[in-house]
C-alpha atoms as a PDB file:
ATOM      1  CA  UNK A   1     -66.389  -4.821 -22.667  1.00  0.00           C
ATOM      2  CA  UNK A   2     -68.730  -5.418 -25.554  1.00  0.00           C
ATOM      3  CA  UNK A   3     -68.266  -3.491 -28.755  1.00  0.00           C
ATOM      4  CA  UNK A   4     -69.515  -3.858 -32.252  1.00  0.00           C
ATOM      5  CA  UNK A   5     -67.257  -4.936 -35.070  1.00  0.00           C
ATOM      6  CA  UNK A   6     -67.570  -1.620 -36.930  1.00  0.00           C
ATOM      7  CA  UNK A   7     -66.413   0.352 -33.885  1.00  0.00           C
ATOM      8  CA  UNK A   8     -63.482  -1.993 -33.352  1.00  0.00           C
ATOM      9  CA  UNK A   9     -62.536  -1.796 -37.045  1.00  0.00           C
ATOM     10  CA  UNK A  10     -62.595   2.009 -36.945  1.00  0.00           C
ATOM     11  CA  UNK A  11     -60.235   1.950 -33.945  1.00  0.00           C
ATOM     12  CA  UNK A  12     -57.985  -0.530 -35.745  1.00  0.00           C
ATOM     13  CA  UNK A  13     -57.912   1.564 -38.935  1.00  0.00           C
ATOM     14  CA  UNK A  14     -56.950   4.632 -36.913  1.00  0.00           C
ATOM     15  CA  UNK A  15     -54.286   2.614 -35.102  1.00  0.00           C
ATOM     16  CA  UNK A  16     -52.791   1.397 -38.391  1.00  0.00           C
ATOM     17  CA  UNK A  17     -52.588   4.984 -39.653  1.00  0.00           C
ATOM     18  CA  UNK A  18     -51.061   6.166 -36.366  1.00  0.00           C
ATOM     19  CA  UNK A  19     -48.597   3.250 -36.348  1.00  0.00           C
ATOM     20  CA  UNK A  20     -47.509   4.192 -39.868  1.00  0.00           C
ATOM     21  CA  UNK A  21     -46.933   7.782 -38.768  1.00  0.00           C
ATOM     22  CA  UNK A  22     -44.958   6.619 -35.732  1.00  0.00           C
ATOM     23  CA  UNK A  23     -42.905   4.244 -37.885  1.00  0.00           C
ATOM     24  CA  UNK A  24     -42.110   6.984 -40.404  1.00  0.00           C
ATOM     25  CA  UNK A  25     -40.889   9.237 -37.609  1.00  0.00           C
ATOM     26  CA  UNK A  26     -38.780   6.458 -36.089  1.00  0.00           C
ATOM     27  CA  UNK A  27     -37.270   5.591 -39.475  1.00  0.00           C
ATOM     28  CA  UNK A  28     -36.428   9.179 -40.299  1.00  0.00           C
ATOM     29  CA  UNK A  29     -34.926   9.792 -36.852  1.00  0.00           C
ATOM     30  CA  UNK A  30     -32.783   6.655 -37.086  1.00  0.00           C
ATOM     31  CA  UNK A  31     -31.563   7.665 -40.530  1.00  0.00           C
ATOM     32  CA  UNK A  32     -30.520  11.084 -39.261  1.00  0.00           C
ATOM     33  CA  UNK A  33     -28.399   9.472 -36.551  1.00  0.00           C
ATOM     34  CA  UNK A  34     -26.576   7.443 -39.206  1.00  0.00           C
ATOM     35  CA  UNK A  35     -26.219  10.415 -41.519  1.00  0.00           C
ATOM     36  CA  UNK A  36     -24.593  12.609 -38.881  1.00  0.00           C
ATOM     37  CA  UNK A  37     -22.031   9.916 -38.116  1.00  0.00           C
ATOM     38  CA  UNK A  38     -21.426   8.788 -41.707  1.00  0.00           C
ATOM     39  CA  UNK A  39     -21.446  11.866 -43.943  1.00  0.00           C
ATOM     40  CA  UNK A  40     -23.135  14.562 -41.892  1.00  0.00           C
ATOM     41  CA  UNK A  41     -22.247  17.081 -39.228  1.00  0.00           C
ATOM     42  CA  UNK A  42     -19.864  14.894 -37.246  1.00  0.00           C
ATOM     43  CA  UNK A  43     -17.730  14.055 -40.268  1.00  0.00           C
ATOM     44  CA  UNK A  44     -14.838  16.360 -41.078  1.00  0.00           C
ATOM     45  CA  UNK A  45     -13.740  14.851 -44.395  1.00  0.00           C
ATOM     46  CA  UNK A  46     -14.739  12.222 -46.920  1.00  0.00           C
ATOM     47  CA  UNK A  47     -18.450  13.027 -46.800  1.00  0.00           C
ATOM     48  CA  UNK A  48     -19.055  12.544 -50.529  1.00  0.00           C
ATOM     49  CA  UNK A  49     -17.124   9.280 -50.584  1.00  0.00           C
ATOM     50  CA  UNK A  50     -19.075   7.918 -47.610  1.00  0.00           C
ATOM     51  CA  UNK A  51     -22.383   8.940 -49.164  1.00  0.00           C
ATOM     52  CA  UNK A  52     -21.419   7.321 -52.470  1.00  0.00           C
ATOM     53  CA  UNK A  53     -20.300   4.141 -50.687  1.00  0.00           C
ATOM     54  CA  UNK A  54     -23.709   3.904 -49.009  1.00  0.00           C
ATOM     55  CA  UNK A  55     -25.536   4.388 -52.316  1.00  0.00           C
ATOM     56  CA  UNK A  56     -23.365   1.799 -54.049  1.00  0.00           C
ATOM     57  CA  UNK A  57     -23.942  -0.745 -51.286  1.00  0.00           C
ATOM     58  CA  UNK A  58     -27.675  -0.040 -51.236  1.00  0.00           C
ATOM     59  CA  UNK A  59     -28.023  -0.401 -55.008  1.00  0.00           C
ATOM     60  CA  UNK A  60     -25.962  -3.618 -55.000  1.00  0.00           C
ATOM     61  CA  UNK A  61     -27.970  -5.089 -52.134  1.00  0.00           C
ATOM     62  CA  UNK A  62     -24.870  -5.230 -49.977  1.00  0.00           C
ATOM     63  CA  UNK A  63     -24.736  -4.715 -46.251  1.00  0.00           C
ATOM     64  CA  UNK A  64     -26.347  -1.419 -45.270  1.00  0.00           C
ATOM     65  CA  UNK A  65     -27.563  -0.156 -41.906  1.00  0.00           C
ATOM     66  CA  UNK A  66     -30.734  -1.795 -40.640  1.00  0.00           C
ATOM     67  CA  UNK A  67     -33.895   0.223 -40.135  1.00  0.00           C
ATOM     68  CA  UNK A  68     -35.548   0.397 -36.736  1.00  0.00           C
ATOM     69  CA  UNK A  69     -37.842  -2.488 -35.857  1.00  0.00           C
ATOM     70  CA  UNK A  70     -40.070  -3.654 -33.040  1.00  0.00           C
ATOM     71  CA  UNK A  71     -37.615  -6.175 -31.614  1.00  0.00           C
ATOM     72  CA  UNK A  72     -36.933  -4.212 -28.449  1.00  0.00           C
ATOM     73  CA  UNK A  73     -33.240  -4.847 -29.085  1.00  0.00           C
ATOM     74  CA  UNK A  74     -32.208  -1.414 -27.838  1.00  0.00           C
ATOM     75  CA  UNK A  75     -33.078   0.137 -24.498  1.00  0.00           C
ATOM     76  CA  UNK A  76     -36.384   2.011 -24.614  1.00  0.00           C
ATOM     77  CA  UNK A  77     -37.029   0.951 -28.204  1.00  0.00           C
ATOM     78  CA  UNK A  78     -40.519   0.134 -29.357  1.00  0.00           C
ATOM     79  CA  UNK A  79     -41.873  -3.404 -29.072  1.00  0.00           C
ATOM     80  CA  UNK A  80     -45.165  -4.838 -30.334  1.00  0.00           C
ATOM     81  CA  UNK A  81     -46.626  -4.579 -26.821  1.00  0.00           C
ATOM     82  CA  UNK A  82     -45.483  -1.015 -26.213  1.00  0.00           C
ATOM     83  CA  UNK A  83     -46.785   0.011 -29.643  1.00  0.00           C
ATOM     84  CA  UNK A  84     -50.198  -1.501 -28.941  1.00  0.00           C
ATOM     85  CA  UNK A  85     -50.300   0.108 -25.494  1.00  0.00           C
ATOM     86  CA  UNK A  86     -49.578   3.507 -27.028  1.00  0.00           C
ATOM     87  CA  UNK A  87     -52.392   3.110 -29.569  1.00  0.00           C
ATOM     88  CA  UNK A  88     -55.197   1.583 -27.507  1.00  0.00           C
ATOM     89  CA  UNK A  89     -56.592   2.043 -24.045  1.00  0.00           C
ATOM     90  CA  UNK A  90     -56.665  -0.853 -21.616  1.00  0.00           C
ATOM     91  CA  UNK A  91     -60.223  -1.914 -22.486  1.00  0.00           C
ATOM     92  CA  UNK A  92     -59.562  -1.862 -26.224  1.00  0.00           C
ATOM     93  CA  UNK A  93     -56.491  -4.060 -25.792  1.00  0.00           C
ATOM     94  CA  UNK A  94     -58.776  -6.794 -24.480  1.00  0.00           C
ATOM     95  CA  UNK A  95     -60.891  -6.866 -27.642  1.00  0.00           C
ATOM     96  CA  UNK A  96     -60.371  -9.929 -29.794  1.00  0.00           C
ATOM     97  CA  UNK A  97     -60.475  -7.811 -32.959  1.00  0.00           C
ATOM     98  CA  UNK A  98     -57.671  -5.608 -31.666  1.00  0.00           C
ATOM     99  CA  UNK A  99     -55.572  -8.587 -30.627  1.00  0.00           C
ATOM    100  CA  UNK A 100     -56.118 -10.160 -34.048  1.00  0.00           C
ATOM    101  CA  UNK A 101     -54.973  -6.943 -35.751  1.00  0.00           C
ATOM    102  CA  UNK A 102     -51.670  -6.679 -33.856  1.00  0.00           C
ATOM    103  CA  UNK A 103     -49.611  -8.188 -36.693  1.00  0.00           C
ATOM    104  CA  UNK A 104     -51.133  -5.772 -39.243  1.00  0.00           C
ATOM    105  CA  UNK A 105     -50.508  -2.813 -36.955  1.00  0.00           C
ATOM    106  CA  UNK A 106     -46.909  -3.840 -36.277  1.00  0.00           C
ATOM    107  CA  UNK A 107     -46.310  -4.459 -39.983  1.00  0.00           C
ATOM    108  CA  UNK A 108     -47.606  -0.966 -40.766  1.00  0.00           C
ATOM    109  CA  UNK A 109     -45.120   0.490 -38.257  1.00  0.00           C
ATOM    110  CA  UNK A 110     -42.156  -1.540 -39.527  1.00  0.00           C
ATOM    111  CA  UNK A 111     -42.927  -0.957 -43.228  1.00  0.00           C
ATOM    112  CA  UNK A 112     -43.220   2.795 -42.694  1.00  0.00           C
ATOM    113  CA  UNK A 113     -40.056   2.849 -40.584  1.00  0.00           C
ATOM    114  CA  UNK A 114     -38.103   0.982 -43.250  1.00  0.00           C
ATOM    115  CA  UNK A 115     -39.406   3.142 -46.106  1.00  0.00           C
ATOM    116  CA  UNK A 116     -38.629   6.389 -44.268  1.00  0.00           C
ATOM    117  CA  UNK A 117     -35.252   5.120 -43.111  1.00  0.00           C
ATOM    118  CA  UNK A 118     -33.961   4.192 -46.547  1.00  0.00           C
ATOM    119  CA  UNK A 119     -35.527   7.119 -48.392  1.00  0.00           C
ATOM    120  CA  UNK A 120     -34.055   9.589 -45.887  1.00  0.00           C
ATOM    121  CA  UNK A 121     -30.616   7.994 -46.229  1.00  0.00           C
ATOM    122  CA  UNK A 122     -30.818   7.975 -50.021  1.00  0.00           C
ATOM    123  CA  UNK A 123     -32.027  11.581 -50.263  1.00  0.00           C
ATOM    124  CA  UNK A 124     -29.292  12.784 -47.934  1.00  0.00           C
ATOM    125  CA  UNK A 125     -26.582  10.798 -49.696  1.00  0.00           C
ATOM    126  CA  UNK A 126     -27.634  12.147 -53.082  1.00  0.00           C
ATOM    127  CA  UNK A 127     -27.757  15.720 -51.735  1.00  0.00           C
ATOM    128  CA  UNK A 128     -24.283  15.302 -50.240  1.00  0.00           C
ATOM    129  CA  UNK A 129     -22.845  14.011 -53.502  1.00  0.00           C
ATOM    130  CA  UNK A 130     -24.469  16.831 -55.479  1.00  0.00           C
ATOM    131  CA  UNK A 131     -23.314  19.529 -53.039  1.00  0.00           C
END
């Protein structure tokens, strides 16, 4: 398939934006799973202490939960290939420009996932402490 560079770049720009949106959703969803088990609905006592412990560890740079990534470590989790396949049709995946942009697209997903993950955890922890 032959395409011009401008058309390919437009598709790539849209894919980067979509990957960011998908990453934000994945990060927020992952954070909510941690919240419910750490200081949320599944916790019957010690919610404020758990939320404060997370904030302290986060601020000190200590061990905190890891955000979702594209490693494919967990069953049915996103990988670079599955992300690209969800953003482009089969013909577009063959384009050199699209293949060259894979790292940028994956970085957009992972950066957005990480940002949403940690901001969701922080916001929830602060709300729990202030409640």
